[in-house]
Amino acid sequence: MMISKKGKNHILRTIFKIAVPATITQIINTVYAIVDRIFIGKIPSIGLEALSGIGICFPILVLITAFSQWIAVGASTVVSIYRGEGNSKKAEEAVGNTLTLSVLTATALFIVLELFMNPILLQFGASSKTIGYANMYLKFYLIGVFFQILIQVFSGLLICQGFAKESMLGCMISAAANIVFDYFFIVILHQGIKGAAVASVISQFIGVVILVLFLIKPSNPEKIKIRVRFFRLNYELSKKIIIYGLPSFTMDFTETCI
């Protein structure tokens, strides 16, 4: 079937309307680690060693992001498919299953990383001088692992429904909050590396709240709703989410290995 020039222009506008904010959102998500490094590097007397400790944590942070993207991409794909089919009930069930998978994944990551934190950090090159800083940062950062996963998931769910600008706005506010809280905890309260981790957790929590408010805002009757009755895992649905998100996880996971 031939597509008219007007139709092609409409498709291109739609692509750019979604792709540009989505790309900016991904760029903003990298700001957390960069901002933390800027503030930590300027801490008097311990800045360089503390910065080295943060660097050792980086592969673990990438690994957490890989799991976040696994669920987020898988969920966005499944929800998009069901929305395209006009099956809103299945799309809402997919959202409910996604939230349950997010909780289970965050819990598993928290337990494994908490139990084997020091051996993992040593494996990544921590020394006697840097492991204390790496351990302190990661311990507090892990408190917010649930928020890190959810901010990726909710951002993806908004984008796949055509609300890319709202997703971008939520992530921008979260990133701005991270800068403010970094300054507050590190410069004003002198909490050092612990303050940087706490700032990240609080800012990610703020981002999750904003994205949830966008999701439940009744401005669009076609927007997928979050229903508690769909939190119970459906094996076939969960399998689809995991399979569709696996390529994204694989790409991010290989970064950790490199």
Protein backbone atom coordinates (compact mmCIF):
# COMPACT_ATOMS: atom_id res chain seq x y z
CA MET A 1 0.00 0.00 0.00
CA MET A 2 1.36 3.42 -1.00
CA ILE A 3 1.72 6.06 1.70
CA SER A 4 1.05 9.65 0.68
CA LYS A 5 3.59 12.42 1.26
CA LYS A 6 1.31 13.88 3.91
CA GLY A 7 1.15 10.49 5.63
CA LYS A 8 4.93 10.15 5.57
CA ASN A 9 5.34 13.61 7.08
CA HIS A 10 2.89 12.70 9.84
CA ILE A 11 4.85 9.50 10.60
CA LEU A 12 8.15 11.41 10.72
CA ARG A 13 6.67 14.06 13.04
CA THR A 14 5.36 11.34 15.33
CA ILE A 15 8.74 9.60 15.41
CA PHE A 16 10.57 12.82 16.28
CA LYS A 17 7.88 13.78 18.80
CA ILE A 18 8.57 10.57 20.72
CA ALA A 19 12.23 9.92 19.90
CA VAL A 20 13.69 13.30 20.83
CA PRO A 21 12.23 13.48 24.39
CA ALA A 22 13.00 9.76 24.88
CA THR A 23 16.64 10.33 23.88
CA ILE A 24 16.92 13.33 26.18
CA THR A 25 15.45 11.22 28.99
CA GLN A 26 18.19 8.61 28.54
CA ILE A 27 20.86 11.32 28.55
CA ILE A 28 19.40 12.82 31.72
CA ASN A 29 19.56 9.41 33.42
CA THR A 30 23.37 9.52 33.13
CA VAL A 31 23.50 12.83 35.01
CA TYR A 32 23.15 11.17 38.43
CA ALA A 33 26.57 9.52 38.40
CA ILE A 34 28.26 12.51 36.75
CA VAL A 35 26.90 15.02 39.29
CA ASP A 36 27.87 12.76 42.19
CA ARG A 37 31.42 12.57 40.84
CA ILE A 38 31.70 16.35 40.47
CA PHE A 39 30.70 17.01 44.07
CA ILE A 40 32.63 14.08 45.55
CA GLY A 41 35.82 15.03 43.70
CA LYS A 42 35.79 18.41 45.45
CA ILE A 43 35.56 17.03 49.00
CA PRO A 44 38.65 18.34 50.88
CA SER A 45 41.39 15.80 51.76
CA ILE A 46 39.47 12.68 50.64
CA GLY A 47 38.14 13.75 47.23
CA LEU A 48 40.47 11.66 45.05
CA GLU A 49 40.19 8.46 47.08
CA ALA A 50 36.42 8.87 47.44
CA LEU A 51 36.18 9.44 43.69
CA SER A 52 38.12 6.21 43.11
CA GLY A 53 35.65 4.42 45.37
CA ILE A 54 32.73 5.71 43.30
CA GLY A 55 34.50 4.57 40.13
CA ILE A 56 34.72 1.03 41.48
CA CYS A 57 30.95 1.08 42.06
CA PHE A 58 30.26 2.12 38.47
CA PRO A 59 30.04 -1.42 36.96
CA ILE A 60 27.53 -2.34 39.67
CA LEU A 61 25.45 0.75 38.90
CA VAL A 62 25.51 -0.21 35.21
CA LEU A 63 24.38 -3.71 36.17
CA ILE A 64 21.43 -2.27 38.13
CA THR A 65 20.58 -0.14 35.09
CA ALA A 66 20.72 -3.26 32.91
CA PHE A 67 18.10 -4.99 35.06
CA SER A 68 16.02 -1.79 35.08
CA GLN A 69 16.09 -1.61 31.29
CA TRP A 70 15.32 -5.32 31.03
CA ILE A 71 11.96 -4.80 32.73
CA ALA A 72 11.29 -1.33 31.29
CA VAL A 73 11.91 -2.27 27.65
CA GLY A 74 10.09 -5.60 27.97
CA ALA A 75 7.08 -3.96 29.61
CA SER A 76 6.95 -1.09 27.10
CA THR A 77 7.04 -3.55 24.19
CA VAL A 78 4.30 -5.79 25.57
CA VAL A 79 2.07 -2.86 26.52
CA SER A 80 2.55 -1.32 23.05
CA ILE A 81 1.59 -4.60 21.37
CA TYR A 82 -1.62 -4.95 23.38
CA ARG A 83 -2.51 -1.27 22.87
CA GLY A 84 -2.03 -1.75 19.13
CA GLU A 85 -4.41 -4.68 19.26
CA GLY A 86 -6.93 -2.58 21.18
CA ASN A 87 -6.70 -4.94 24.16
CA SER A 88 -6.63 -2.48 27.08
CA LYS A 89 -7.29 -5.17 29.68
CA LYS A 90 -4.18 -7.14 28.69
CA ALA A 91 -2.14 -3.94 28.56
CA GLU A 92 -3.21 -3.08 32.11
CA GLU A 93 -2.42 -6.62 33.23
CA ALA A 94 1.04 -6.22 31.71
CA VAL A 95 1.54 -3.02 33.72
CA GLY A 96 0.51 -4.79 36.94
CA ASN A 97 2.86 -7.70 36.24
CA THR A 98 5.64 -5.23 35.46
CA LEU A 99 5.34 -3.59 38.87
CA THR A 100 5.49 -6.97 40.59
CA LEU A 101 8.55 -7.98 38.55
CA SER A 102 10.15 -4.64 39.48
CA VAL A 103 9.68 -5.32 43.19
CA LEU A 104 11.01 -8.86 42.90
CA THR A 105 14.03 -7.75 40.86
CA ALA A 106 14.87 -4.89 43.23
CA THR A 107 14.59 -7.21 46.24
CA ALA A 108 16.84 -9.82 44.64
CA LEU A 109 19.45 -7.23 43.66
CA PHE A 110 19.42 -5.69 47.12
CA ILE A 111 19.90 -9.04 48.88
CA VAL A 112 22.65 -10.34 46.55
CA LEU A 113 24.63 -7.09 46.47
CA GLU A 114 24.26 -6.56 50.22
CA LEU A 115 25.48 -10.08 51.02
CA PHE A 116 28.38 -10.14 48.56
CA MET A 117 29.22 -6.44 48.39
CA ASN A 118 32.86 -6.56 49.54
CA PRO A 119 33.89 -9.60 47.44
CA ILE A 120 32.32 -7.97 44.36
CA LEU A 121 34.04 -4.63 45.03
CA LEU A 122 37.39 -6.37 45.53
CA GLN A 123 36.86 -8.22 42.28
CA PHE A 124 36.32 -4.90 40.52
CA GLY A 125 39.64 -3.58 41.83
CA ALA A 126 38.94 -2.01 45.22
CA SER A 127 41.97 -1.52 47.47
CA SER A 128 42.26 -1.14 51.22
CA LYS A 129 42.12 2.65 50.73
CA THR A 130 39.08 2.78 48.46
CA ILE A 131 36.86 -0.11 49.54
CA GLY A 132 35.54 1.81 52.56
CA TYR A 133 34.29 4.64 50.33
CA ALA A 134 32.87 2.24 47.75
CA ASN A 135 31.13 0.21 50.46
CA MET A 136 29.61 3.30 52.09
CA TYR A 137 28.31 4.71 48.80
CA LEU A 138 26.84 1.40 47.63
CA LYS A 139 25.18 0.60 50.97
CA PHE A 140 23.16 3.81 50.89
CA TYR A 141 22.61 3.70 47.13
CA LEU A 142 21.09 0.22 47.36
CA ILE A 143 18.33 1.57 49.60
CA GLY A 144 16.95 3.26 46.50
CA VAL A 145 17.42 0.40 44.02
CA PHE A 146 13.64 -0.02 43.92
CA PHE A 147 13.24 3.64 42.89
CA GLN A 148 15.94 3.35 40.22
CA ILE A 149 14.12 0.44 38.60
CA LEU A 150 10.70 2.09 38.87
CA ILE A 151 11.85 5.40 37.38
CA GLN A 152 13.01 3.50 34.28
CA VAL A 153 9.83 1.42 34.14
CA PHE A 154 7.39 4.32 34.54
CA SER A 155 9.38 6.41 32.07
CA GLY A 156 9.13 3.61 29.50
CA LEU A 157 5.41 3.13 30.12
CA LEU A 158 4.76 6.82 29.54
CA ILE A 159 6.83 6.89 26.34
CA CYS A 160 5.13 3.83 24.85
CA GLN A 161 1.76 5.55 25.33
CA GLY A 162 2.92 8.69 23.54
CA PHE A 163 3.71 10.77 26.63
CA ALA A 164 7.43 11.20 25.96
CA LYS A 165 7.46 14.86 27.04
CA GLU A 166 5.97 13.97 30.42
CA SER A 167 8.60 11.26 30.85
CA MET A 168 11.35 13.73 29.97
CA LEU A 169 9.97 16.35 32.37
CA GLY A 170 9.82 13.88 35.27
CA CYS A 171 13.42 12.80 34.70
CA MET A 172 14.58 16.42 34.36
CA ILE A 173 13.03 17.36 37.70
CA SER A 174 14.63 14.30 39.28
CA ALA A 175 18.06 15.20 37.87
CA ALA A 176 17.71 18.82 39.03
CA ALA A 177 16.74 17.58 42.50
CA ASN A 178 19.86 15.41 42.54
CA ILE A 179 22.06 18.48 41.99
CA VAL A 180 20.29 20.42 44.76
CA PHE A 181 20.48 17.55 47.25
CA ASP A 182 24.12 16.82 46.38
CA TYR A 183 24.96 20.41 47.23
CA PHE A 184 22.85 20.28 50.40
CA PHE A 185 24.24 17.00 51.76
CA ILE A 186 27.87 17.34 50.63
CA VAL A 187 28.61 21.07 50.77
CA ILE A 188 26.28 22.24 53.54
CA LEU A 189 25.90 19.18 55.80
CA HIS A 190 29.38 17.74 55.00
CA GLN A 191 28.02 14.20 54.66
CA GLY A 192 30.58 13.30 51.99
CA ILE A 193 30.15 10.16 49.93
CA LYS A 194 27.19 9.05 52.03
CA GLY A 195 25.44 12.33 51.21
CA ALA A 196 25.93 11.74 47.47
CA ALA A 197 24.24 8.35 47.67
CA VAL A 198 21.37 9.68 49.79
CA ALA A 199 20.89 12.56 47.33
CA SER A 200 20.57 10.06 44.46
CA VAL A 201 18.01 7.99 46.36
CA ILE A 202 15.85 10.99 47.29
CA SER A 203 15.96 12.46 43.77
CA GLN A 204 15.01 9.12 42.21
CA PHE A 205 12.11 8.83 44.65
CA ILE A 206 10.93 12.29 43.58
CA GLY A 207 11.19 11.21 39.94
CA VAL A 208 9.09 8.10 40.59
CA VAL A 209 6.38 10.13 42.34
CA ILE A 210 6.19 12.62 39.46
CA LEU A 211 6.03 9.89 36.80
CA VAL A 212 3.31 8.05 38.74
CA LEU A 213 1.30 11.27 38.97
CA PHE A 214 1.60 11.64 35.18
CA LEU A 215 0.49 8.02 34.72
CA ILE A 216 -2.61 8.29 36.92
CA LYS A 217 -3.56 11.80 35.77
CA PRO A 218 -7.02 11.42 34.17
CA SER A 219 -6.26 13.80 31.28
CA ASN A 220 -6.43 11.06 28.65
CA PRO A 221 -9.16 8.39 28.89
CA GLU A 222 -7.06 6.01 26.77
CA LYS A 223 -4.13 6.07 29.21
CA ILE A 224 -3.37 2.67 30.74
CA LYS A 225 -4.42 2.44 34.38
CA ILE A 226 -2.59 0.76 37.26
CA ARG A 227 -4.89 -1.84 38.83
CA VAL A 228 -3.99 -3.77 41.97
CA ARG A 229 -5.80 -6.90 40.82
CA PHE A 230 -3.23 -7.32 38.04
CA PHE A 231 -0.26 -7.39 40.41
CA ARG A 232 -0.53 -11.17 40.57
CA LEU A 233 1.98 -12.62 38.13
CA ASN A 234 0.70 -14.22 34.94
CA TYR A 235 3.33 -16.71 33.76
CA GLU A 236 2.83 -16.19 30.01
CA LEU A 237 2.68 -12.41 30.34
CA SER A 238 5.75 -12.22 32.58
CA LYS A 239 7.63 -14.48 30.16
CA LYS A 240 6.85 -12.10 27.30
CA ILE A 241 8.13 -9.11 29.31
CA ILE A 242 11.35 -10.96 30.15
CA ILE A 243 11.94 -12.18 26.58
CA TYR A 244 11.28 -8.81 24.91
CA GLY A 245 13.51 -7.00 27.40
CA LEU A 246 16.37 -9.51 27.21
CA PRO A 247 18.24 -7.88 24.25
CA SER A 248 18.38 -4.54 26.09
CA PHE A 249 19.66 -6.26 29.23
CA THR A 250 22.30 -8.13 27.23
CA MET A 251 23.66 -4.90 25.71
CA ASP A 252 23.86 -3.13 29.08
CA PHE A 253 25.26 -6.22 30.80
CA THR A 254 28.12 -6.48 28.31
CA GLU A 255 29.13 -2.93 29.31
CA THR A 256 29.59 -4.18 32.86
CA CYS A 257 31.74 -7.05 31.64
CA ILE A 258 33.90 -4.71 29.53
